Amino acid sequence: MLIHPWDAPRDDAEWQQWLAVRDFGQLAVNGLPGDPPWVQPLHFAYDADRGEAVTHLARPNPLWAALEADPEVVLSVVDDYAYIPGPWQAPPDAPPEHGTPTSFYAAVQLRCTAHLVDDTDAKAALLNRQMGHFQPEGGSARVAAGEVPYGRLLSGIRGIRLEVSGVRAKFKYAGHRPAETRARIAAGLDARGGPGDAAAREHLLRRGPAI
């Protein structure tokens, strides 16, 4: 992922706060010899204090052989994306048709070492961590080995702890464009009001100089 200086996060807090409210991404795993990489969409729970994310997958998932062969993986999360038409991006002294279309998006890529969790009690603890993240209001029984309703299901899954070793983050929102162009983009996003436009506009206004 190319990260220009104007797209880089201001500090770790920026990407951490963005990631704290997102918990669905894609796990990229190196393929076995002769195979392409594996890409697995999944929910996860990220814990900044522990420097790890936790997740689980079904035991029949074909990912396991590749993950066991090479535990170095990337957890990729992309959101707040929007297509920006060329005329919105035109420089102030150029005709609208000379503007270059682009994409706005925020992305965080966590480079991780995957640790597989097969111990029954450890899997139960991992699932309870995930449950606590996704259902802080409760409503479901705790997972415990040998206990109903979930104990009998533990054999059908494997847990994954993703130990974070590096982070690449990007907020691509016209940070290098002049104020006039950025104001035109903000107005266009506001008027269009499509999926992702409000979030993209918020990033555009938040990260750049005042328009």
C-alpha atoms as a PDB file:
ATOM      1  CA  MET A   1       0.000   0.000   0.000  1.00  0.00           C
ATOM      2  CA  LEU A   2       1.494   3.295  -1.117  1.00  0.00           C
ATOM      3  CA  ILE A   3       1.317   5.939   1.615  1.00  0.00           C
ATOM      4  CA  HIS A   4       2.152   9.506   0.606  1.00  0.00           C
ATOM      5  CA  PRO A   5       3.188  11.829   3.439  1.00  0.00           C
ATOM      6  CA  TRP A   6      -0.131  13.684   3.241  1.00  0.00           C
ATOM      7  CA  ASP A   7      -2.070  10.422   3.579  1.00  0.00           C
ATOM      8  CA  ALA A   8      -0.159   9.104   6.598  1.00  0.00           C
ATOM      9  CA  PRO A   9      -1.806   9.156  10.030  1.00  0.00           C
ATOM     10  CA  ARG A  10      -0.833  12.083  12.212  1.00  0.00           C
ATOM     11  CA  ASP A  11       0.004   9.727  15.064  1.00  0.00           C
ATOM     12  CA  ASP A  12      -0.831   6.247  16.344  1.00  0.00           C
ATOM     13  CA  ALA A  13      -3.921   7.570  18.108  1.00  0.00           C
ATOM     14  CA  GLU A  14      -5.554   8.440  14.770  1.00  0.00           C
ATOM     15  CA  TRP A  15      -5.503   4.935  13.337  1.00  0.00           C
ATOM     16  CA  GLN A  16      -6.131   3.304  16.720  1.00  0.00           C
ATOM     17  CA  GLN A  17      -9.276   5.356  17.296  1.00  0.00           C
ATOM     18  CA  TRP A  18     -10.472   4.575  13.772  1.00  0.00           C
ATOM     19  CA  LEU A  19      -9.826   0.841  14.186  1.00  0.00           C
ATOM     20  CA  ALA A  20     -11.396   0.744  17.670  1.00  0.00           C
ATOM     21  CA  VAL A  21     -14.895   0.986  16.158  1.00  0.00           C
ATOM     22  CA  ARG A  22     -14.270  -1.462  13.317  1.00  0.00           C
ATOM     23  CA  ASP A  23     -14.157  -5.218  13.668  1.00  0.00           C
ATOM     24  CA  PHE A  24     -14.562  -6.762  10.227  1.00  0.00           C
ATOM     25  CA  GLY A  25     -11.732  -7.203   7.767  1.00  0.00           C
ATOM     26  CA  GLN A  26      -9.804  -9.625   5.586  1.00  0.00           C
ATOM     27  CA  LEU A  27      -7.036 -11.925   6.746  1.00  0.00           C
ATOM     28  CA  ALA A  28      -4.367 -12.378   4.057  1.00  0.00           C
ATOM     29  CA  VAL A  29      -2.301 -15.561   4.375  1.00  0.00           C
ATOM     30  CA  ASN A  30       0.569 -16.686   2.153  1.00  0.00           C
ATOM     31  CA  GLY A  31      -0.507 -19.606   0.014  1.00  0.00           C
ATOM     32  CA  LEU A  32       1.165 -22.981  -0.141  1.00  0.00           C
ATOM     33  CA  PRO A  33       3.738 -23.435  -2.934  1.00  0.00           C
ATOM     34  CA  GLY A  34       1.955 -23.097  -6.253  1.00  0.00           C
ATOM     35  CA  ASP A  35      -1.150 -21.528  -4.699  1.00  0.00           C
ATOM     36  CA  PRO A  36      -2.188 -17.887  -4.641  1.00  0.00           C
ATOM     37  CA  PRO A  37      -2.559 -16.141  -1.276  1.00  0.00           C
ATOM     38  CA  TRP A  38      -5.611 -16.926   0.840  1.00  0.00           C
ATOM     39  CA  VAL A  39      -7.930 -14.056   1.742  1.00  0.00           C
ATOM     40  CA  GLN A  40     -10.488 -14.768   4.468  1.00  0.00           C
ATOM     41  CA  PRO A  41     -13.209 -12.246   5.389  1.00  0.00           C
ATOM     42  CA  LEU A  42     -13.884 -12.351   9.131  1.00  0.00           C
ATOM     43  CA  HIS A  43     -14.968 -10.596  12.286  1.00  0.00           C
ATOM     44  CA  PHE A  44     -12.246  -9.923  14.852  1.00  0.00           C
ATOM     45  CA  ALA A  45     -11.785  -8.152  18.175  1.00  0.00           C
ATOM     46  CA  TYR A  46      -8.740  -5.880  18.388  1.00  0.00           C
ATOM     47  CA  ASP A  47      -7.147  -5.166  21.754  1.00  0.00           C
ATOM     48  CA  ALA A  48      -4.729  -2.221  21.564  1.00  0.00           C
ATOM     49  CA  ASP A  49      -3.480  -2.784  25.114  1.00  0.00           C
ATOM     50  CA  ARG A  50      -2.481  -6.378  24.386  1.00  0.00           C
ATOM     51  CA  GLY A  51      -1.299  -5.606  20.866  1.00  0.00           C
ATOM     52  CA  GLU A  52      -3.357  -8.384  19.340  1.00  0.00           C
ATOM     53  CA  ALA A  53      -6.588  -9.286  17.625  1.00  0.00           C
ATOM     54  CA  VAL A  54      -8.546 -12.481  18.228  1.00  0.00           C
ATOM     55  CA  THR A  55     -10.815 -14.408  15.917  1.00  0.00           C
ATOM     56  CA  HIS A  56     -11.844 -17.966  15.089  1.00  0.00           C
ATOM     57  CA  LEU A  57     -12.762 -20.053  12.065  1.00  0.00           C
ATOM     58  CA  ALA A  58     -14.448 -23.365  11.423  1.00  0.00           C
ATOM     59  CA  ARG A  59     -12.176 -26.398  11.600  1.00  0.00           C
ATOM     60  CA  PRO A  60     -13.005 -27.471   7.993  1.00  0.00           C
ATOM     61  CA  ASN A  61     -11.749 -24.114   6.651  1.00  0.00           C
ATOM     62  CA  PRO A  62      -9.091 -24.790   3.968  1.00  0.00           C
ATOM     63  CA  LEU A  63      -6.984 -21.905   5.300  1.00  0.00           C
ATOM     64  CA  TRP A  64      -5.334 -23.907   8.090  1.00  0.00           C
ATOM     65  CA  ALA A  65      -2.607 -25.673   6.107  1.00  0.00           C
ATOM     66  CA  ALA A  66      -1.337 -22.384   4.675  1.00  0.00           C
ATOM     67  CA  LEU A  67      -1.532 -20.679   8.070  1.00  0.00           C
ATOM     68  CA  GLU A  68       0.428 -23.472   9.741  1.00  0.00           C
ATOM     69  CA  ALA A  69       3.065 -23.358   6.996  1.00  0.00           C
ATOM     70  CA  ASP A  70       3.563 -19.593   7.379  1.00  0.00           C
ATOM     71  CA  PRO A  71       2.043 -17.761  10.369  1.00  0.00           C
ATOM     72  CA  GLU A  72       3.081 -14.290   9.125  1.00  0.00           C
ATOM     73  CA  VAL A  73      -0.150 -12.674   7.970  1.00  0.00           C
ATOM     74  CA  VAL A  74      -1.834  -9.318   7.327  1.00  0.00           C
ATOM     75  CA  LEU A  75      -5.187  -8.282   8.735  1.00  0.00           C
ATOM     76  CA  SER A  76      -6.577  -5.610   6.416  1.00  0.00           C
ATOM     77  CA  VAL A  77      -9.448  -3.245   7.223  1.00  0.00           C
ATOM     78  CA  VAL A  78     -10.808  -0.713   4.701  1.00  0.00           C
ATOM     79  CA  ASP A  79     -13.750   1.640   5.222  1.00  0.00           C
ATOM     80  CA  ASP A  80     -15.071   5.171   4.681  1.00  0.00           C
ATOM     81  CA  TYR A  81     -14.447   4.883   0.961  1.00  0.00           C
ATOM     82  CA  ALA A  82     -15.976   6.992  -1.803  1.00  0.00           C
ATOM     83  CA  TYR A  83     -15.451   7.528  -5.524  1.00  0.00           C
ATOM     84  CA  ILE A  84     -14.453  11.101  -6.376  1.00  0.00           C
ATOM     85  CA  PRO A  85     -15.375  12.230  -9.916  1.00  0.00           C
ATOM     86  CA  GLY A  86     -12.725  13.989 -11.982  1.00  0.00           C
ATOM     87  CA  PRO A  87     -14.421  17.414 -12.161  1.00  0.00           C
ATOM     88  CA  TRP A  88     -14.452  17.658  -8.360  1.00  0.00           C
ATOM     89  CA  GLN A  89     -10.663  17.258  -8.302  1.00  0.00           C
ATOM     90  CA  ALA A  90      -9.806  19.832 -10.956  1.00  0.00           C
ATOM     91  CA  PRO A  91      -7.207  22.424  -9.904  1.00  0.00           C
ATOM     92  CA  PRO A  92      -8.610  25.933  -9.421  1.00  0.00           C
ATOM     93  CA  ASP A  93      -7.055  27.186 -12.675  1.00  0.00           C
ATOM     94  CA  ALA A  94      -8.079  24.204 -14.831  1.00  0.00           C
ATOM     95  CA  PRO A  95     -11.347  23.309 -16.595  1.00  0.00           C
ATOM     96  CA  PRO A  96     -13.488  20.725 -14.716  1.00  0.00           C
ATOM     97  CA  GLU A  97     -12.966  18.090 -17.405  1.00  0.00           C
ATOM     98  CA  HIS A  98      -9.244  18.082 -16.659  1.00  0.00           C
ATOM     99  CA  GLY A  99      -9.705  16.834 -13.119  1.00  0.00           C
ATOM    100  CA  THR A 100      -8.459  13.374 -12.239  1.00  0.00           C
ATOM    101  CA  PRO A 101     -10.931  10.872 -10.733  1.00  0.00           C
ATOM    102  CA  THR A 102      -9.766   9.084  -7.593  1.00  0.00           C
ATOM    103  CA  SER A 103     -10.852   7.025  -4.602  1.00  0.00           C
ATOM    104  CA  PHE A 104     -10.999   8.189  -1.014  1.00  0.00           C
ATOM    105  CA  TYR A 105     -10.581   5.581   1.714  1.00  0.00           C
ATOM    106  CA  ALA A 106      -9.181   4.826   5.137  1.00  0.00           C
ATOM    107  CA  ALA A 107      -7.168   1.655   5.615  1.00  0.00           C
ATOM    108  CA  VAL A 108      -5.272  -0.072   8.393  1.00  0.00           C
ATOM    109  CA  GLN A 109      -3.110  -3.114   7.756  1.00  0.00           C
ATOM    110  CA  LEU A 110      -1.881  -5.042  10.764  1.00  0.00           C
ATOM    111  CA  ARG A 111       1.092  -7.301  10.164  1.00  0.00           C
ATOM    112  CA  CYS A 112       0.714 -10.177  12.591  1.00  0.00           C
ATOM    113  CA  THR A 113       2.065 -13.493  13.708  1.00  0.00           C
ATOM    114  CA  ALA A 114      -0.814 -15.950  13.950  1.00  0.00           C
ATOM    115  CA  HIS A 115      -0.966 -18.230  16.974  1.00  0.00           C
ATOM    116  CA  LEU A 116      -3.447 -21.075  16.617  1.00  0.00           C
ATOM    117  CA  VAL A 117      -5.560 -21.889  19.652  1.00  0.00           C
ATOM    118  CA  ASP A 118      -6.707 -25.503  19.999  1.00  0.00           C
ATOM    119  CA  ASP A 119      -6.827 -25.978  23.759  1.00  0.00           C
ATOM    120  CA  THR A 120     -10.483 -26.239  24.709  1.00  0.00           C
ATOM    121  CA  ASP A 121     -10.375 -23.899  27.692  1.00  0.00           C
ATOM    122  CA  ALA A 122      -8.263 -21.383  25.778  1.00  0.00           C
ATOM    123  CA  LYS A 123     -10.746 -21.441  22.912  1.00  0.00           C
ATOM    124  CA  ALA A 124     -13.589 -20.820  25.326  1.00  0.00           C
ATOM    125  CA  ALA A 125     -11.733 -17.830  26.781  1.00  0.00           C
ATOM    126  CA  LEU A 126     -11.027 -16.465  23.309  1.00  0.00           C
ATOM    127  CA  LEU A 127     -14.691 -16.772  22.310  1.00  0.00           C
ATOM    128  CA  ASN A 128     -15.772 -15.031  25.487  1.00  0.00           C
ATOM    129  CA  ARG A 129     -13.420 -12.167  24.627  1.00  0.00           C
ATOM    130  CA  GLN A 130     -15.025 -11.886  21.215  1.00  0.00           C
ATOM    131  CA  MET A 131     -18.509 -12.134  22.706  1.00  0.00           C
ATOM    132  CA  GLY A 132     -17.677  -9.387  25.173  1.00  0.00           C
ATOM    133  CA  HIS A 133     -16.650  -7.148  22.295  1.00  0.00           C
ATOM    134  CA  PHE A 134     -19.600  -7.812  20.021  1.00  0.00           C
ATOM    135  CA  GLN A 135     -22.277  -8.246  22.702  1.00  0.00           C
ATOM    136  CA  PRO A 136     -21.289  -6.074  25.654  1.00  0.00           C
ATOM    137  CA  GLU A 137     -24.961  -6.040  26.611  1.00  0.00           C
ATOM    138  CA  GLY A 138     -24.816  -9.808  27.151  1.00  0.00           C
ATOM    139  CA  GLY A 139     -27.801 -11.947  26.271  1.00  0.00           C
ATOM    140  CA  SER A 140     -25.877 -15.120  25.427  1.00  0.00           C
ATOM    141  CA  ALA A 141     -24.535 -17.835  27.704  1.00  0.00           C
ATOM    142  CA  ARG A 142     -20.816 -17.847  28.458  1.00  0.00           C
ATOM    143  CA  VAL A 143     -18.730 -20.357  26.582  1.00  0.00           C
ATOM    144  CA  ALA A 144     -17.308 -23.067  28.847  1.00  0.00           C
ATOM    145  CA  ALA A 145     -15.775 -26.415  27.995  1.00  0.00           C
ATOM    146  CA  GLY A 146     -18.170 -29.273  28.621  1.00  0.00           C
ATOM    147  CA  GLU A 147     -21.113 -27.010  29.391  1.00  0.00           C
ATOM    148  CA  VAL A 148     -24.238 -26.288  27.393  1.00  0.00           C
ATOM    149  CA  PRO A 149     -24.999 -24.701  25.051  1.00  0.00           C
ATOM    150  CA  TYR A 150     -21.633 -24.014  23.420  1.00  0.00           C
ATOM    151  CA  GLY A 151     -19.238 -26.511  24.991  1.00  0.00           C
ATOM    152  CA  ARG A 152     -20.009 -29.226  22.485  1.00  0.00           C
ATOM    153  CA  LEU A 153     -19.338 -26.820  19.594  1.00  0.00           C
ATOM    154  CA  LEU A 154     -15.756 -26.010  20.582  1.00  0.00           C
ATOM    155  CA  SER A 155     -14.351 -29.023  18.756  1.00  0.00           C
ATOM    156  CA  GLY A 156     -15.678 -27.597  15.481  1.00  0.00           C
ATOM    157  CA  ILE A 157     -13.572 -24.431  15.542  1.00  0.00           C
ATOM    158  CA  ARG A 158      -9.993 -23.268  15.943  1.00  0.00           C
ATOM    159  CA  GLY A 159      -9.080 -19.958  17.541  1.00  0.00           C
ATOM    160  CA  ILE A 160      -6.501 -17.488  16.261  1.00  0.00           C
ATOM    161  CA  ARG A 161      -4.536 -14.903  18.213  1.00  0.00           C
ATOM    162  CA  LEU A 162      -3.004 -12.343  15.882  1.00  0.00           C
ATOM    163  CA  GLU A 163       0.057 -10.821  17.558  1.00  0.00           C
ATOM    164  CA  VAL A 164       0.628  -7.435  15.920  1.00  0.00           C
ATOM    165  CA  SER A 165       4.221  -6.754  14.831  1.00  0.00           C
ATOM    166  CA  GLY A 166       3.691  -3.788  12.512  1.00  0.00           C
ATOM    167  CA  VAL A 167       1.065  -1.331  11.296  1.00  0.00           C
ATOM    168  CA  ARG A 168       0.527   0.497   8.021  1.00  0.00           C
ATOM    169  CA  ALA A 169      -2.286   3.039   7.986  1.00  0.00           C
ATOM    170  CA  LYS A 170      -3.572   5.462   5.373  1.00  0.00           C
ATOM    171  CA  PHE A 171      -6.203   8.198   5.227  1.00  0.00           C
ATOM    172  CA  LYS A 172      -6.528   9.200   1.562  1.00  0.00           C
ATOM    173  CA  TYR A 173      -8.616  12.375   1.547  1.00  0.00           C
ATOM    174  CA  ALA A 174      -7.037  14.978  -0.752  1.00  0.00           C
ATOM    175  CA  GLY A 175      -4.580  16.140   1.874  1.00  0.00           C
ATOM    176  CA  HIS A 176      -2.330  17.690  -0.803  1.00  0.00           C
ATOM    177  CA  ARG A 177      -5.085  19.536  -2.706  1.00  0.00           C
ATOM    178  CA  PRO A 178      -5.578  23.320  -2.462  1.00  0.00           C
ATOM    179  CA  ALA A 179      -8.385  24.633  -0.265  1.00  0.00           C
ATOM    180  CA  GLU A 180     -10.601  25.569  -3.224  1.00  0.00           C
ATOM    181  CA  THR A 181     -10.476  22.052  -4.646  1.00  0.00           C
ATOM    182  CA  ARG A 182     -11.061  20.466  -1.266  1.00  0.00           C
ATOM    183  CA  ALA A 183     -14.063  22.725  -0.683  1.00  0.00           C
ATOM    184  CA  ARG A 184     -15.499  21.637  -4.055  1.00  0.00           C
ATOM    185  CA  ILE A 185     -15.001  17.968  -3.127  1.00  0.00           C
ATOM    186  CA  ALA A 186     -16.662  18.488   0.266  1.00  0.00           C
ATOM    187  CA  ALA A 187     -19.636  20.181  -1.384  1.00  0.00           C
ATOM    188  CA  GLY A 188     -19.911  17.382  -3.934  1.00  0.00           C
ATOM    189  CA  LEU A 189     -19.889  14.693  -1.260  1.00  0.00           C
ATOM    190  CA  ASP A 190     -22.504  16.564   0.749  1.00  0.00           C
ATOM    191  CA  ALA A 191     -24.794  16.991  -2.269  1.00  0.00           C
ATOM    192  CA  ARG A 192     -24.398  13.417  -3.507  1.00  0.00           C
ATOM    193  CA  GLY A 193     -25.035  11.833  -0.109  1.00  0.00           C
ATOM    194  CA  GLY A 194     -24.229   8.290  -1.220  1.00  0.00           C
ATOM    195  CA  PRO A 195     -22.977   5.411   0.911  1.00  0.00           C
ATOM    196  CA  GLY A 196     -19.713   6.419   2.542  1.00  0.00           C
ATOM    197  CA  ASP A 197     -19.911  10.046   1.398  1.00  0.00           C
ATOM    198  CA  ALA A 198     -20.633  11.557   4.818  1.00  0.00           C
ATOM    199  CA  ALA A 199     -17.733   9.674   6.441  1.00  0.00           C
ATOM    200  CA  ALA A 200     -15.367  10.606   3.603  1.00  0.00           C
ATOM    201  CA  ARG A 201     -16.379  14.266   3.895  1.00  0.00           C
ATOM    202  CA  GLU A 202     -15.782  14.169   7.639  1.00  0.00           C
ATOM    203  CA  HIS A 203     -12.244  12.864   7.112  1.00  0.00           C
ATOM    204  CA  LEU A 204     -11.614  15.463   4.402  1.00  0.00           C
ATOM    205  CA  LEU A 205     -12.625  18.313   6.710  1.00  0.00           C
ATOM    206  CA  ARG A 206     -10.964  16.838   9.791  1.00  0.00           C
ATOM    207  CA  ARG A 207      -7.545  16.174   8.289  1.00  0.00           C
ATOM    208  CA  GLY A 208      -6.960  19.182   6.071  1.00  0.00           C
ATOM    209  CA  PRO A 209      -6.529  22.895   6.763  1.00  0.00           C
ATOM    210  CA  ALA A 210      -9.729  24.819   7.339  1.00  0.00           C
ATOM    211  CA  ILE A 211     -11.719  25.351   4.143  1.00  0.00           C
END
